[in-house]
Amino acid sequence: MFSYTILKGGKAVTSIKKGENKFFVGEDEQNPAAEITFELSEEDHLVVDHTFVSDELRGQGMAGKLVERVVNHARDERKKIVPVCSYAKEKMEKTSEYQDVLAD
């Protein structure tokens, strides 16, 4: 499991967990404090369609860490990513280290 420490109320509290077609932060996959979701396309690409970060976690770089986690997952699975989510798309296009998994 990829782990990334975040602060909540001044305390280090959590890690990014793998869920069903998502990576999330929080104890409950159905009500996460932050998440990035994806689907597998017919072309065998990961289609990243949603990124969410709750108000309590905003401003801590969590959305970027979620994108980093799905990029590492794509590398591990030898898949390309089609970012449909506007945040993931912008982050991936601007980050040169992510170009290897960005689908054409």
C-alpha atoms as a PDB file:
ATOM      1  CA  MET A   1       0.000   0.000   0.000  1.00  0.00           C
ATOM      2  CA  PHE A   2       1.232   3.470  -0.859  1.00  0.00           C
ATOM      3  CA  SER A   3       1.277   5.630   2.209  1.00  0.00           C
ATOM      4  CA  TYR A   4       1.260   9.394   2.373  1.00  0.00           C
ATOM      5  CA  THR A   5       1.022  11.206   5.680  1.00  0.00           C
ATOM      6  CA  ILE A   6      -1.343  14.132   5.845  1.00  0.00           C
ATOM      7  CA  LEU A   7      -2.181  16.530   8.612  1.00  0.00           C
ATOM      8  CA  LYS A   8      -5.638  16.930  10.048  1.00  0.00           C
ATOM      9  CA  GLY A   9      -6.020  19.285  12.947  1.00  0.00           C
ATOM     10  CA  GLY A  10      -2.250  19.278  13.365  1.00  0.00           C
ATOM     11  CA  LYS A  11      -2.030  15.456  13.592  1.00  0.00           C
ATOM     12  CA  ALA A  12      -0.628  13.002  11.042  1.00  0.00           C
ATOM     13  CA  VAL A  13      -3.574  10.755  10.297  1.00  0.00           C
ATOM     14  CA  THR A  14      -3.821   8.706   7.168  1.00  0.00           C
ATOM     15  CA  SER A  15      -2.716   6.958   4.000  1.00  0.00           C
ATOM     16  CA  ILE A  16      -4.013   6.505   0.480  1.00  0.00           C
ATOM     17  CA  LYS A  17      -5.847   3.190   0.140  1.00  0.00           C
ATOM     18  CA  LYS A  18      -6.886   1.136  -2.898  1.00  0.00           C
ATOM     19  CA  GLY A  19     -10.597   0.695  -3.368  1.00  0.00           C
ATOM     20  CA  GLU A  20     -12.906  -0.508  -6.116  1.00  0.00           C
ATOM     21  CA  ASN A  21     -11.750   1.498  -9.181  1.00  0.00           C
ATOM     22  CA  LYS A  22     -10.409   4.221  -6.921  1.00  0.00           C
ATOM     23  CA  PHE A  23      -7.776   5.343  -4.487  1.00  0.00           C
ATOM     24  CA  PHE A  24      -9.098   7.070  -1.411  1.00  0.00           C
ATOM     25  CA  VAL A  25      -8.286   8.620   1.946  1.00  0.00           C
ATOM     26  CA  GLY A  26     -10.431   7.854   4.968  1.00  0.00           C
ATOM     27  CA  GLU A  27     -11.878   4.900   6.811  1.00  0.00           C
ATOM     28  CA  ASP A  28     -14.988   4.501   4.655  1.00  0.00           C
ATOM     29  CA  GLU A  29     -14.553   3.911   0.923  1.00  0.00           C
ATOM     30  CA  GLN A  30     -18.151   5.020   0.343  1.00  0.00           C
ATOM     31  CA  ASN A  31     -17.633   8.372   2.114  1.00  0.00           C
ATOM     32  CA  PRO A  32     -13.973   9.238   1.579  1.00  0.00           C
ATOM     33  CA  ALA A  33     -12.216  12.383   2.730  1.00  0.00           C
ATOM     34  CA  ALA A  34     -10.488  12.394  -0.683  1.00  0.00           C
ATOM     35  CA  GLU A  35     -10.561  10.157  -3.747  1.00  0.00           C
ATOM     36  CA  ILE A  36      -9.574   9.671  -7.367  1.00  0.00           C
ATOM     37  CA  THR A  37     -11.727   7.333  -9.449  1.00  0.00           C
ATOM     38  CA  PHE A  38     -11.103   5.520 -12.709  1.00  0.00           C
ATOM     39  CA  GLU A  39     -12.588   2.961 -15.073  1.00  0.00           C
ATOM     40  CA  LEU A  40     -10.921   0.526 -17.454  1.00  0.00           C
ATOM     41  CA  SER A  41     -11.637   1.415 -21.091  1.00  0.00           C
ATOM     42  CA  GLU A  42     -12.121  -0.981 -23.996  1.00  0.00           C
ATOM     43  CA  GLU A  43      -8.577  -0.035 -25.077  1.00  0.00           C
ATOM     44  CA  ASP A  44      -7.291  -1.242 -21.667  1.00  0.00           C
ATOM     45  CA  HIS A  45      -6.544   2.313 -20.493  1.00  0.00           C
ATOM     46  CA  LEU A  46      -7.350   3.750 -17.080  1.00  0.00           C
ATOM     47  CA  VAL A  47      -9.869   6.536 -17.580  1.00  0.00           C
ATOM     48  CA  VAL A  48      -9.500   8.918 -14.625  1.00  0.00           C
ATOM     49  CA  ASP A  49     -12.900  10.555 -14.307  1.00  0.00           C
ATOM     50  CA  HIS A  50     -13.081  12.220 -10.891  1.00  0.00           C
ATOM     51  CA  THR A  51     -10.922  13.755  -8.173  1.00  0.00           C
ATOM     52  CA  PHE A  52     -12.355  14.953  -4.871  1.00  0.00           C
ATOM     53  CA  VAL A  53     -10.730  16.442  -1.773  1.00  0.00           C
ATOM     54  CA  SER A  54     -12.805  17.456   1.241  1.00  0.00           C
ATOM     55  CA  ASP A  55     -12.514  20.935   2.700  1.00  0.00           C
ATOM     56  CA  GLU A  56     -10.595  19.612   5.714  1.00  0.00           C
ATOM     57  CA  LEU A  57      -7.829  18.190   3.483  1.00  0.00           C
ATOM     58  CA  ARG A  58      -7.604  20.971   0.907  1.00  0.00           C
ATOM     59  CA  GLY A  59      -4.404  22.936   0.612  1.00  0.00           C
ATOM     60  CA  GLN A  60      -2.205  19.982   1.604  1.00  0.00           C
ATOM     61  CA  GLY A  61      -1.400  18.693  -1.888  1.00  0.00           C
ATOM     62  CA  MET A  62      -3.729  15.732  -1.557  1.00  0.00           C
ATOM     63  CA  ALA A  63      -5.174  15.912  -5.090  1.00  0.00           C
ATOM     64  CA  GLY A  64      -1.654  15.829  -6.506  1.00  0.00           C
ATOM     65  CA  LYS A  65      -0.774  12.823  -4.337  1.00  0.00           C
ATOM     66  CA  LEU A  66      -3.887  11.013  -5.574  1.00  0.00           C
ATOM     67  CA  VAL A  67      -2.833  11.642  -9.183  1.00  0.00           C
ATOM     68  CA  GLU A  68       0.677  10.418  -8.330  1.00  0.00           C
ATOM     69  CA  ARG A  69      -0.815   7.247  -6.840  1.00  0.00           C
ATOM     70  CA  VAL A  70      -2.932   6.441  -9.909  1.00  0.00           C
ATOM     71  CA  VAL A  71       0.096   7.146 -12.160  1.00  0.00           C
ATOM     72  CA  ASN A  72       2.174   4.652 -10.158  1.00  0.00           C
ATOM     73  CA  HIS A  73      -0.672   2.146 -10.357  1.00  0.00           C
ATOM     74  CA  ALA A  74      -0.810   2.552 -14.149  1.00  0.00           C
ATOM     75  CA  ARG A  75       2.939   1.943 -14.354  1.00  0.00           C
ATOM     76  CA  ASP A  76       2.654  -1.171 -12.183  1.00  0.00           C
ATOM     77  CA  GLU A  77      -0.163  -2.498 -14.374  1.00  0.00           C
ATOM     78  CA  ARG A  78       1.534  -1.396 -17.636  1.00  0.00           C
ATOM     79  CA  LYS A  79      -1.446   0.750 -18.605  1.00  0.00           C
ATOM     80  CA  LYS A  80      -1.896   4.220 -20.043  1.00  0.00           C
ATOM     81  CA  ILE A  81      -4.112   6.893 -18.507  1.00  0.00           C
ATOM     82  CA  VAL A  82      -6.827   8.920 -20.215  1.00  0.00           C
ATOM     83  CA  PRO A  83      -7.493  11.822 -17.825  1.00  0.00           C
ATOM     84  CA  VAL A  84     -11.083  13.016 -18.259  1.00  0.00           C
ATOM     85  CA  CYS A  85     -11.172  14.783 -14.897  1.00  0.00           C
ATOM     86  CA  SER A  86     -10.048  18.380 -15.481  1.00  0.00           C
ATOM     87  CA  TYR A  87      -7.705  18.428 -12.472  1.00  0.00           C
ATOM     88  CA  ALA A  88      -6.008  15.120 -13.369  1.00  0.00           C
ATOM     89  CA  LYS A  89      -5.717  16.186 -17.014  1.00  0.00           C
ATOM     90  CA  GLU A  90      -4.023  19.476 -16.172  1.00  0.00           C
ATOM     91  CA  LYS A  91      -1.735  17.888 -13.568  1.00  0.00           C
ATOM     92  CA  MET A  92      -0.646  15.100 -15.896  1.00  0.00           C
ATOM     93  CA  GLU A  93      -0.074  17.365 -18.883  1.00  0.00           C
ATOM     94  CA  LYS A  94       2.039  19.790 -16.824  1.00  0.00           C
ATOM     95  CA  THR A  95       4.123  17.115 -15.047  1.00  0.00           C
ATOM     96  CA  SER A  96       6.877  15.822 -17.302  1.00  0.00           C
ATOM     97  CA  GLU A  97       7.410  12.729 -15.115  1.00  0.00           C
ATOM     98  CA  TYR A  98       3.863  11.554 -15.950  1.00  0.00           C
ATOM     99  CA  GLN A  99       4.166  11.702 -19.743  1.00  0.00           C
ATOM    100  CA  ASP A 100       5.124   8.009 -19.990  1.00  0.00           C
ATOM    101  CA  VAL A 101       1.637   6.911 -18.884  1.00  0.00           C
ATOM    102  CA  LEU A 102      -0.397   9.600 -20.645  1.00  0.00           C
ATOM    103  CA  ALA A 103      -2.404   7.996 -23.473  1.00  0.00           C
ATOM    104  CA  ASP A 104      -2.036   9.524 -26.937  1.00  0.00           C
END
